[in-house]
Full PDB file with SEQRES, HELIX, SHEET, SSBOND, CRYST1, ORIGX, SCALE, CONECT and MASTER records, all heavy atoms in Angstrom:
SEQRES   1 A   34  PRO VAL GLY VAL VAL SER ASN ILE GLY TRP ASP LEU ARG          
SEQRES   2 A   34  PRO VAL PHE ARG ALA HIS GLY LEU ASP PRO TYR ILE ASP          
SEQRES   3 A   34  VAL TYR VAL LEU SER TYR GLU HIS                              
HELIX    1 AA1 ARG A   13  ALA A   18  1                                   6    
HELIX    2 AA2 ASP A   22  TYR A   24  5                                   3    
HELIX    3 AA3 SER A   31  GLU A   33  5                                   3    
SHEET    1 AA1 2 GLY A   3  SER A   6  0                                        
SHEET    2 AA1 2 VAL A  27  LEU A  30  1                                        
CRYST1    1.000    1.000    1.000  90.00  90.00  90.00 P 1           1          
ORIGX1      1.000000  0.000000  0.000000        0.00000                         
ORIGX2      0.000000  1.000000  0.000000        0.00000                         
ORIGX3      0.000000  0.000000  1.000000        0.00000                         
SCALE1      1.000000  0.000000  0.000000        0.00000                         
SCALE2      0.000000  1.000000  0.000000        0.00000                         
SCALE3      0.000000  0.000000  1.000000        0.00000                         
ATOM      1  N   PRO A   1     -16.499 -17.790  21.151  1.00  0.00           N  
ATOM      2  CA  PRO A   1     -16.811 -16.753  20.223  1.00  0.00           C  
ATOM      3  C   PRO A   1     -15.936 -15.528  20.322  1.00  0.00           C  
ATOM      4  O   PRO A   1     -15.369 -15.225  21.439  1.00  0.00           O  
ATOM      5  CB  PRO A   1     -18.287 -16.312  20.642  1.00  0.00           C  
ATOM      6  CG  PRO A   1     -18.287 -16.845  22.063  1.00  0.00           C  
ATOM      7  CD  PRO A   1     -17.402 -18.080  22.176  1.00  0.00           C  
ATOM      8  N   VAL A   2     -15.620 -14.804  19.230  1.00  0.00           N  
ATOM      9  CA  VAL A   2     -14.646 -13.767  19.171  1.00  0.00           C  
ATOM     10  C   VAL A   2     -15.203 -12.510  18.484  1.00  0.00           C  
ATOM     11  O   VAL A   2     -15.986 -12.654  17.511  1.00  0.00           O  
ATOM     12  CB  VAL A   2     -13.386 -14.257  18.248  1.00  0.00           C  
ATOM     13  CG1 VAL A   2     -12.498 -13.014  18.076  1.00  0.00           C  
ATOM     14  CG2 VAL A   2     -12.663 -15.400  19.047  1.00  0.00           C  
ATOM     15  N   GLY A   3     -15.011 -11.422  19.038  1.00  0.00           N  
ATOM     16  CA  GLY A   3     -15.328 -10.139  18.496  1.00  0.00           C  
ATOM     17  C   GLY A   3     -14.230  -9.181  18.383  1.00  0.00           C  
ATOM     18  O   GLY A   3     -13.210  -9.300  19.130  1.00  0.00           O  
ATOM     19  N   VAL A   4     -14.277  -8.187  17.525  1.00  0.00           N  
ATOM     20  CA  VAL A   4     -13.279  -7.120  17.384  1.00  0.00           C  
ATOM     21  C   VAL A   4     -14.022  -5.895  17.825  1.00  0.00           C  
ATOM     22  O   VAL A   4     -15.069  -5.504  17.282  1.00  0.00           O  
ATOM     23  CB  VAL A   4     -12.745  -7.019  15.858  1.00  0.00           C  
ATOM     24  CG1 VAL A   4     -11.826  -5.814  15.805  1.00  0.00           C  
ATOM     25  CG2 VAL A   4     -11.914  -8.253  15.556  1.00  0.00           C  
ATOM     26  N   VAL A   5     -13.295  -5.135  18.766  1.00  0.00           N  
ATOM     27  CA  VAL A   5     -13.865  -3.885  19.242  1.00  0.00           C  
ATOM     28  C   VAL A   5     -12.838  -2.798  18.952  1.00  0.00           C  
ATOM     29  O   VAL A   5     -11.788  -2.913  19.584  1.00  0.00           O  
ATOM     30  CB  VAL A   5     -14.232  -3.932  20.734  1.00  0.00           C  
ATOM     31  CG1 VAL A   5     -14.822  -2.549  21.144  1.00  0.00           C  
ATOM     32  CG2 VAL A   5     -15.207  -5.138  20.913  1.00  0.00           C  
ATOM     33  N   SER A   6     -13.029  -1.902  18.013  1.00  0.00           N  
ATOM     34  CA  SER A   6     -12.057  -0.965  17.726  1.00  0.00           C  
ATOM     35  C   SER A   6     -12.512   0.508  17.638  1.00  0.00           C  
ATOM     36  O   SER A   6     -13.539   0.703  17.177  1.00  0.00           O  
ATOM     37  CB  SER A   6     -11.541  -1.352  16.224  1.00  0.00           C  
ATOM     38  OG  SER A   6     -10.547  -0.431  15.817  1.00  0.00           O  
ATOM     39  N   ASN A   7     -11.681   1.305  18.131  1.00  0.00           N  
ATOM     40  CA  ASN A   7     -11.789   2.792  17.882  1.00  0.00           C  
ATOM     41  C   ASN A   7     -11.291   3.063  16.557  1.00  0.00           C  
ATOM     42  O   ASN A   7      -9.973   2.996  16.313  1.00  0.00           O  
ATOM     43  CB  ASN A   7     -10.970   3.581  18.930  1.00  0.00           C  
ATOM     44  CG  ASN A   7     -11.871   3.673  20.270  1.00  0.00           C  
ATOM     45  OD1 ASN A   7     -12.963   3.337  20.311  1.00  0.00           O  
ATOM     46  ND2 ASN A   7     -11.159   4.413  21.304  1.00  0.00           N  
ATOM     47  N   ILE A   8     -12.151   3.407  15.643  1.00  0.00           N  
ATOM     48  CA  ILE A   8     -11.722   3.558  14.158  1.00  0.00           C  
ATOM     49  C   ILE A   8     -12.784   4.375  13.416  1.00  0.00           C  
ATOM     50  O   ILE A   8     -13.850   4.482  13.825  1.00  0.00           O  
ATOM     51  CB  ILE A   8     -11.519   2.098  13.607  1.00  0.00           C  
ATOM     52  CG1 ILE A   8     -10.653   2.196  12.318  1.00  0.00           C  
ATOM     53  CG2 ILE A   8     -12.890   1.479  13.351  1.00  0.00           C  
ATOM     54  CD1 ILE A   8     -10.112   0.775  11.922  1.00  0.00           C  
ATOM     55  N   GLY A   9     -12.299   4.935  12.268  1.00  0.00           N  
ATOM     56  CA  GLY A   9     -13.140   5.749  11.523  1.00  0.00           C  
ATOM     57  C   GLY A   9     -13.530   5.188  10.108  1.00  0.00           C  
ATOM     58  O   GLY A   9     -14.002   5.883   9.264  1.00  0.00           O  
ATOM     59  N   TRP A  10     -13.308   3.858   9.924  1.00  0.00           N  
ATOM     60  CA  TRP A  10     -13.406   3.287   8.628  1.00  0.00           C  
ATOM     61  C   TRP A  10     -13.616   1.790   8.814  1.00  0.00           C  
ATOM     62  O   TRP A  10     -13.354   1.189   9.779  1.00  0.00           O  
ATOM     63  CB  TRP A  10     -12.222   3.542   7.760  1.00  0.00           C  
ATOM     64  CG  TRP A  10     -10.889   3.230   8.332  1.00  0.00           C  
ATOM     65  CD1 TRP A  10     -10.150   4.048   9.068  1.00  0.00           C  
ATOM     66  CD2 TRP A  10     -10.095   2.020   8.213  1.00  0.00           C  
ATOM     67  NE1 TRP A  10      -8.890   3.473   9.549  1.00  0.00           N  
ATOM     68  CE2 TRP A  10      -8.950   2.192   8.869  1.00  0.00           C  
ATOM     69  CE3 TRP A  10     -10.339   0.720   7.588  1.00  0.00           C  
ATOM     70  CZ2 TRP A  10      -7.980   1.194   8.947  1.00  0.00           C  
ATOM     71  CZ3 TRP A  10      -9.368  -0.243   7.560  1.00  0.00           C  
ATOM     72  CH2 TRP A  10      -8.152   0.005   8.322  1.00  0.00           C  
ATOM     73  N   ASP A  11     -14.192   1.073   7.756  1.00  0.00           N  
ATOM     74  CA  ASP A  11     -14.570  -0.246   7.741  1.00  0.00           C  
ATOM     75  C   ASP A  11     -13.278  -1.215   7.598  1.00  0.00           C  
ATOM     76  O   ASP A  11     -12.645  -1.333   6.564  1.00  0.00           O  
ATOM     77  CB  ASP A  11     -15.479  -0.646   6.660  1.00  0.00           C  
ATOM     78  CG  ASP A  11     -15.995  -2.103   6.874  1.00  0.00           C  
ATOM     79  OD1 ASP A  11     -15.673  -2.834   7.748  1.00  0.00           O  
ATOM     80  OD2 ASP A  11     -16.787  -2.421   5.956  1.00  0.00           O  
ATOM     81  N   LEU A  12     -12.869  -1.897   8.695  1.00  0.00           N  
ATOM     82  CA  LEU A  12     -11.670  -2.598   8.671  1.00  0.00           C  
ATOM     83  C   LEU A  12     -11.843  -4.150   8.297  1.00  0.00           C  
ATOM     84  O   LEU A  12     -10.960  -4.893   8.086  1.00  0.00           O  
ATOM     85  CB  LEU A  12     -10.922  -2.707  10.074  1.00  0.00           C  
ATOM     86  CG  LEU A  12     -11.805  -3.080  11.315  1.00  0.00           C  
ATOM     87  CD1 LEU A  12     -12.280  -4.493  11.410  1.00  0.00           C  
ATOM     88  CD2 LEU A  12     -11.071  -2.638  12.558  1.00  0.00           C  
ATOM     89  N   ARG A  13     -13.154  -4.452   7.989  1.00  0.00           N  
ATOM     90  CA  ARG A  13     -13.526  -5.837   7.519  1.00  0.00           C  
ATOM     91  C   ARG A  13     -12.644  -6.336   6.334  1.00  0.00           C  
ATOM     92  O   ARG A  13     -12.199  -7.407   6.260  1.00  0.00           O  
ATOM     93  CB  ARG A  13     -14.976  -5.950   7.329  1.00  0.00           C  
ATOM     94  CG  ARG A  13     -15.868  -5.741   8.647  1.00  0.00           C  
ATOM     95  CD  ARG A  13     -17.305  -5.701   8.291  1.00  0.00           C  
ATOM     96  NE  ARG A  13     -18.160  -5.520   9.388  1.00  0.00           N  
ATOM     97  CZ  ARG A  13     -18.408  -4.311   9.939  1.00  0.00           C  
ATOM     98  NH1 ARG A  13     -18.020  -3.068   9.370  1.00  0.00           N  
ATOM     99  NH2 ARG A  13     -19.235  -4.141  10.928  1.00  0.00           N  
ATOM    100  N   PRO A  14     -12.449  -5.414   5.304  1.00  0.00           N  
ATOM    101  CA  PRO A  14     -11.606  -5.875   4.228  1.00  0.00           C  
ATOM    102  C   PRO A  14     -10.288  -6.219   4.541  1.00  0.00           C  
ATOM    103  O   PRO A  14      -9.702  -7.002   3.928  1.00  0.00           O  
ATOM    104  CB  PRO A  14     -11.763  -4.706   3.248  1.00  0.00           C  
ATOM    105  CG  PRO A  14     -13.001  -4.054   3.633  1.00  0.00           C  
ATOM    106  CD  PRO A  14     -13.127  -4.124   4.995  1.00  0.00           C  
ATOM    107  N   VAL A  15      -9.643  -5.645   5.506  1.00  0.00           N  
ATOM    108  CA  VAL A  15      -8.333  -5.976   6.063  1.00  0.00           C  
ATOM    109  C   VAL A  15      -8.316  -7.422   6.544  1.00  0.00           C  
ATOM    110  O   VAL A  15      -7.429  -8.232   6.288  1.00  0.00           O  
ATOM    111  CB  VAL A  15      -7.816  -5.002   7.110  1.00  0.00           C  
ATOM    112  CG1 VAL A  15      -6.418  -5.426   7.595  1.00  0.00           C  
ATOM    113  CG2 VAL A  15      -7.797  -3.647   6.543  1.00  0.00           C  
ATOM    114  N   PHE A  16      -9.326  -7.751   7.398  1.00  0.00           N  
ATOM    115  CA  PHE A  16      -9.407  -9.090   7.908  1.00  0.00           C  
ATOM    116  C   PHE A  16      -9.658 -10.173   6.754  1.00  0.00           C  
ATOM    117  O   PHE A  16      -9.037 -11.242   6.808  1.00  0.00           O  
ATOM    118  CB  PHE A  16     -10.516  -9.143   8.952  1.00  0.00           C  
ATOM    119  CG  PHE A  16     -10.095  -8.699  10.215  1.00  0.00           C  
ATOM    120  CD1 PHE A  16     -10.049  -7.293  10.587  1.00  0.00           C  
ATOM    121  CD2 PHE A  16      -9.794  -9.507  11.254  1.00  0.00           C  
ATOM    122  CE1 PHE A  16      -9.704  -6.796  11.766  1.00  0.00           C  
ATOM    123  CE2 PHE A  16      -9.409  -9.103  12.598  1.00  0.00           C  
ATOM    124  CZ  PHE A  16      -9.348  -7.742  12.865  1.00  0.00           C  
ATOM    125  N   ARG A  17     -10.407  -9.777   5.805  1.00  0.00           N  
ATOM    126  CA  ARG A  17     -10.695 -10.696   4.655  1.00  0.00           C  
ATOM    127  C   ARG A  17      -9.480 -10.859   3.850  1.00  0.00           C  
ATOM    128  O   ARG A  17      -9.164 -12.025   3.473  1.00  0.00           O  
ATOM    129  CB  ARG A  17     -11.834 -10.226   3.842  1.00  0.00           C  
ATOM    130  CG  ARG A  17     -13.266 -10.250   4.521  1.00  0.00           C  
ATOM    131  CD  ARG A  17     -14.368 -10.044   3.506  1.00  0.00           C  
ATOM    132  NE  ARG A  17     -14.444  -8.767   2.901  1.00  0.00           N  
ATOM    133  CZ  ARG A  17     -15.107  -7.766   3.467  1.00  0.00           C  
ATOM    134  NH1 ARG A  17     -15.918  -8.038   4.489  1.00  0.00           N  
ATOM    135  NH2 ARG A  17     -15.137  -6.593   2.903  1.00  0.00           N  
ATOM    136  N   ALA A  18      -8.701  -9.882   3.541  1.00  0.00           N  
ATOM    137  CA  ALA A  18      -7.631  -9.962   2.733  1.00  0.00           C  
ATOM    138  C   ALA A  18      -6.411 -10.853   3.349  1.00  0.00           C  
ATOM    139  O   ALA A  18      -5.652 -11.520   2.625  1.00  0.00           O  
ATOM    140  CB  ALA A  18      -7.017  -8.587   2.418  1.00  0.00           C  
ATOM    141  N   HIS A  19      -6.327 -10.779   4.673  1.00  0.00           N  
ATOM    142  CA  HIS A  19      -5.284 -11.398   5.411  1.00  0.00           C  
ATOM    143  C   HIS A  19      -5.822 -12.897   5.957  1.00  0.00           C  
ATOM    144  O   HIS A  19      -5.080 -13.486   6.629  1.00  0.00           O  
ATOM    145  CB  HIS A  19      -4.685 -10.587   6.464  1.00  0.00           C  
ATOM    146  CG  HIS A  19      -3.967  -9.408   5.989  1.00  0.00           C  
ATOM    147  ND1 HIS A  19      -2.638  -9.556   5.629  1.00  0.00           N  
ATOM    148  CD2 HIS A  19      -4.296  -8.137   5.815  1.00  0.00           C  
ATOM    149  CE1 HIS A  19      -2.217  -8.368   5.241  1.00  0.00           C  
ATOM    150  NE2 HIS A  19      -3.203  -7.481   5.343  1.00  0.00           N  
ATOM    151  N   GLY A  20      -7.051 -13.240   5.580  1.00  0.00           N  
ATOM    152  CA  GLY A  20      -7.506 -14.530   6.008  1.00  0.00           C  
ATOM    153  C   GLY A  20      -7.901 -14.657   7.470  1.00  0.00           C  
ATOM    154  O   GLY A  20      -8.156 -15.779   7.946  1.00  0.00           O  
ATOM    155  N   LEU A  21      -8.158 -13.591   8.152  1.00  0.00           N  
ATOM    156  CA  LEU A  21      -8.574 -13.658   9.489  1.00  0.00           C  
ATOM    157  C   LEU A  21     -10.104 -13.570   9.694  1.00  0.00           C  
ATOM    158  O   LEU A  21     -10.670 -13.985  10.778  1.00  0.00           O  
ATOM    159  CB  LEU A  21      -7.877 -12.652  10.338  1.00  0.00           C  
ATOM    160  CG  LEU A  21      -6.570 -12.893  10.891  1.00  0.00           C  
ATOM    161  CD1 LEU A  21      -5.521 -13.167   9.926  1.00  0.00           C  
ATOM    162  CD2 LEU A  21      -6.071 -11.823  11.857  1.00  0.00           C  
ATOM    163  N   ASP A  22     -10.830 -13.084   8.704  1.00  0.00           N  
ATOM    164  CA  ASP A  22     -12.275 -12.898   8.890  1.00  0.00           C  
ATOM    165  C   ASP A  22     -12.967 -14.116   9.244  1.00  0.00           C  
ATOM    166  O   ASP A  22     -13.909 -14.004  10.032  1.00  0.00           O  
ATOM    167  CB  ASP A  22     -12.881 -12.248   7.550  1.00  0.00           C  
ATOM    168  CG  ASP A  22     -14.323 -12.032   7.597  1.00  0.00           C  
ATOM    169  OD1 ASP A  22     -14.733 -11.095   8.352  1.00  0.00           O  
ATOM    170  OD2 ASP A  22     -15.022 -12.697   6.897  1.00  0.00           O  
ATOM    171  N   PRO A  23     -12.744 -15.373   8.784  1.00  0.00           N  
ATOM    172  CA  PRO A  23     -13.496 -16.547   9.145  1.00  0.00           C  
ATOM    173  C   PRO A  23     -13.457 -16.813  10.733  1.00  0.00           C  
ATOM    174  O   PRO A  23     -14.289 -17.502  11.164  1.00  0.00           O  
ATOM    175  CB  PRO A  23     -12.763 -17.699   8.349  1.00  0.00           C  
ATOM    176  CG  PRO A  23     -12.122 -17.012   7.211  1.00  0.00           C  
ATOM    177  CD  PRO A  23     -11.722 -15.681   7.765  1.00  0.00           C  
ATOM    178  N   TYR A  24     -12.461 -16.142  11.343  1.00  0.00           N  
ATOM    179  CA  TYR A  24     -12.477 -16.390  12.779  1.00  0.00           C  
ATOM    180  C   TYR A  24     -13.182 -15.410  13.632  1.00  0.00           C  
ATOM    181  O   TYR A  24     -13.058 -15.449  14.943  1.00  0.00           O  
ATOM    182  CB  TYR A  24     -10.963 -16.497  13.227  1.00  0.00           C  
ATOM    183  CG  TYR A  24     -10.361 -17.566  12.431  1.00  0.00           C  
ATOM    184  CD1 TYR A  24      -9.197 -17.098  11.563  1.00  0.00           C  
ATOM    185  CD2 TYR A  24     -10.503 -18.851  12.370  1.00  0.00           C  
ATOM    186  CE1 TYR A  24      -8.502 -18.024  10.762  1.00  0.00           C  
ATOM    187  CE2 TYR A  24      -9.897 -19.783  11.476  1.00  0.00           C  
ATOM    188  CZ  TYR A  24      -8.853 -19.272  10.795  1.00  0.00           C  
ATOM    189  OH  TYR A  24      -8.097 -20.209   9.987  1.00  0.00           O  
ATOM    190  N   ILE A  25     -13.717 -14.341  13.095  1.00  0.00           N  
ATOM    191  CA  ILE A  25     -14.425 -13.323  13.771  1.00  0.00           C  
ATOM    192  C   ILE A  25     -15.835 -13.327  13.580  1.00  0.00           C  
ATOM    193  O   ILE A  25     -16.415 -13.490  12.597  1.00  0.00           O  
ATOM    194  CB  ILE A  25     -13.840 -11.970  13.165  1.00  0.00           C  
ATOM    195  CG1 ILE A  25     -12.265 -11.770  13.232  1.00  0.00           C  
ATOM    196  CG2 ILE A  25     -14.487 -10.768  14.048  1.00  0.00           C  
ATOM    197  CD1 ILE A  25     -11.613 -11.926  14.453  1.00  0.00           C  
ATOM    198  N   ASP A  26     -16.576 -13.329  14.848  1.00  0.00           N  
ATOM    199  CA  ASP A  26     -17.957 -13.504  14.820  1.00  0.00           C  
ATOM    200  C   ASP A  26     -18.683 -12.117  14.672  1.00  0.00           C  
ATOM    201  O   ASP A  26     -19.795 -12.148  14.234  1.00  0.00           O  
ATOM    202  CB  ASP A  26     -18.459 -14.259  16.070  1.00  0.00           C  
ATOM    203  CG  ASP A  26     -17.887 -15.654  16.079  1.00  0.00           C  
ATOM    204  OD1 ASP A  26     -18.331 -16.491  15.299  1.00  0.00           O  
ATOM    205  OD2 ASP A  26     -16.944 -15.862  16.992  1.00  0.00           O  
ATOM    206  N   VAL A  27     -18.115 -11.081  15.247  1.00  0.00           N  
ATOM    207  CA  VAL A  27     -18.789  -9.752  15.192  1.00  0.00           C  
ATOM    208  C   VAL A  27     -17.606  -8.711  15.227  1.00  0.00           C  
ATOM    209  O   VAL A  27     -16.612  -8.856  15.889  1.00  0.00           O  
ATOM    210  CB  VAL A  27     -19.761  -9.662  16.490  1.00  0.00           C  
ATOM    211  CG1 VAL A  27     -19.036  -9.699  17.778  1.00  0.00           C  
ATOM    212  CG2 VAL A  27     -20.586  -8.339  16.283  1.00  0.00           C  
ATOM    213  N   TYR A  28     -17.903  -7.582  14.495  1.00  0.00           N  
ATOM    214  CA  TYR A  28     -17.081  -6.485  14.468  1.00  0.00           C  
ATOM    215  C   TYR A  28     -17.989  -5.343  15.189  1.00  0.00           C  
ATOM    216  O   TYR A  28     -19.105  -5.029  14.667  1.00  0.00           O  
ATOM    217  CB  TYR A  28     -16.770  -6.029  13.143  1.00  0.00           C  
ATOM    218  CG  TYR A  28     -15.937  -6.997  12.385  1.00  0.00           C  
ATOM    219  CD1 TYR A  28     -16.453  -8.053  11.618  1.00  0.00           C  
ATOM    220  CD2 TYR A  28     -14.451  -6.908  12.449  1.00  0.00           C  
ATOM    221  CE1 TYR A  28     -15.696  -8.901  10.897  1.00  0.00           C  
ATOM    222  CE2 TYR A  28     -13.641  -7.895  11.757  1.00  0.00           C  
ATOM    223  CZ  TYR A  28     -14.300  -8.822  10.963  1.00  0.00           C  
ATOM    224  OH  TYR A  28     -13.501  -9.648  10.335  1.00  0.00           O  
ATOM    225  N   VAL A  29     -17.403  -4.632  16.149  1.00  0.00           N  
ATOM    226  CA  VAL A  29     -18.053  -3.480  16.777  1.00  0.00           C  
ATOM    227  C   VAL A  29     -17.039  -2.381  16.665  1.00  0.00           C  
ATOM    228  O   VAL A  29     -16.076  -2.319  17.380  1.00  0.00           O  
ATOM    229  CB  VAL A  29     -18.418  -3.739  18.242  1.00  0.00           C  
ATOM    230  CG1 VAL A  29     -19.016  -2.606  18.871  1.00  0.00           C  
ATOM    231  CG2 VAL A  29     -19.395  -4.955  18.329  1.00  0.00           C  
ATOM    232  N   LEU A  30     -17.381  -1.468  15.696  1.00  0.00           N  
ATOM    233  CA  LEU A  30     -16.525  -0.324  15.290  1.00  0.00           C  
ATOM    234  C   LEU A  30     -17.128   1.018  15.819  1.00  0.00           C  
ATOM    235  O   LEU A  30     -18.235   1.331  15.620  1.00  0.00           O  
ATOM    236  CB  LEU A  30     -16.259  -0.350  13.852  1.00  0.00           C  
ATOM    237  CG  LEU A  30     -15.876  -1.689  13.243  1.00  0.00           C  
ATOM    238  CD1 LEU A  30     -15.748  -1.530  11.776  1.00  0.00           C  
ATOM    239  CD2 LEU A  30     -14.689  -2.289  13.876  1.00  0.00           C  
ATOM    240  N   SER A  31     -16.276   1.797  16.499  1.00  0.00           N  
ATOM    241  CA  SER A  31     -16.698   2.986  17.053  1.00  0.00           C  
ATOM    242  C   SER A  31     -17.440   3.947  16.190  1.00  0.00           C  
ATOM    243  O   SER A  31     -18.508   4.455  16.590  1.00  0.00           O  
ATOM    244  CB  SER A  31     -15.543   3.752  17.675  1.00  0.00           C  
ATOM    245  OG  SER A  31     -14.580   4.097  16.663  1.00  0.00           O  
ATOM    246  N   TYR A  32     -16.964   4.071  14.896  1.00  0.00           N  
ATOM    247  CA  TYR A  32     -17.625   4.986  14.083  1.00  0.00           C  
ATOM    248  C   TYR A  32     -18.915   4.642  13.528  1.00  0.00           C  
ATOM    249  O   TYR A  32     -19.902   5.430  13.275  1.00  0.00           O  
ATOM    250  CB  TYR A  32     -16.782   5.353  12.827  1.00  0.00           C  
ATOM    251  CG  TYR A  32     -16.792   4.430  11.714  1.00  0.00           C  
ATOM    252  CD1 TYR A  32     -17.657   4.543  10.606  1.00  0.00           C  
ATOM    253  CD2 TYR A  32     -16.244   3.165  11.723  1.00  0.00           C  
ATOM    254  CE1 TYR A  32     -17.744   3.716   9.536  1.00  0.00           C  
ATOM    255  CE2 TYR A  32     -16.328   2.151  10.734  1.00  0.00           C  
ATOM    256  CZ  TYR A  32     -17.121   2.575   9.580  1.00  0.00           C  
ATOM    257  OH  TYR A  32     -17.247   1.641   8.610  1.00  0.00           O  
ATOM    258  N   GLU A  33     -19.243   3.248  13.693  1.00  0.00           N  
ATOM    259  CA  GLU A  33     -20.577   2.797  13.346  1.00  0.00           C  
ATOM    260  C   GLU A  33     -21.567   3.030  14.401  1.00  0.00           C  
ATOM    261  O   GLU A  33     -22.780   2.875  14.242  1.00  0.00           O  
ATOM    262  CB  GLU A  33     -20.513   1.301  12.969  1.00  0.00           C  
ATOM    263  CG  GLU A  33     -19.689   1.088  11.694  1.00  0.00           C  
ATOM    264  CD  GLU A  33     -19.590  -0.445  11.278  1.00  0.00           C  
ATOM    265  OE1 GLU A  33     -19.788  -1.226  12.083  1.00  0.00           O  
ATOM    266  OE2 GLU A  33     -19.276  -0.680  10.087  1.00  0.00           O  
ATOM    267  N   HIS A  34     -21.157   3.193  15.744  1.00  0.00           N  
ATOM    268  CA  HIS A  34     -22.047   3.408  16.829  1.00  0.00           C  
ATOM    269  C   HIS A  34     -22.049   4.738  17.380  1.00  0.00           C  
ATOM    270  O   HIS A  34     -22.781   4.949  18.313  1.00  0.00           O  
ATOM    271  CB  HIS A  34     -21.683   2.366  17.925  1.00  0.00           C  
ATOM    272  CG  HIS A  34     -21.851   0.837  17.453  1.00  0.00           C  
ATOM    273  ND1 HIS A  34     -23.051   0.237  17.456  1.00  0.00           N  
ATOM    274  CD2 HIS A  34     -21.027   0.058  16.795  1.00  0.00           C  
ATOM    275  CE1 HIS A  34     -22.866  -0.980  16.977  1.00  0.00           C  
ATOM    276  NE2 HIS A  34     -21.712  -1.068  16.503  1.00  0.00           N  
TER     277      HIS A  34                                                      
MASTER        0    0    0    3    2    0    0    6  276    1    0    3          
END                                                                             
């Protein structure tokens, strides 16, 4: 299982989808959402 943990102020999920990496990520934990 793979997660992305980022200090960030915006939703990076569209970047992963556009570049074809989203299918390999199980969870995104973004600082601004928490």
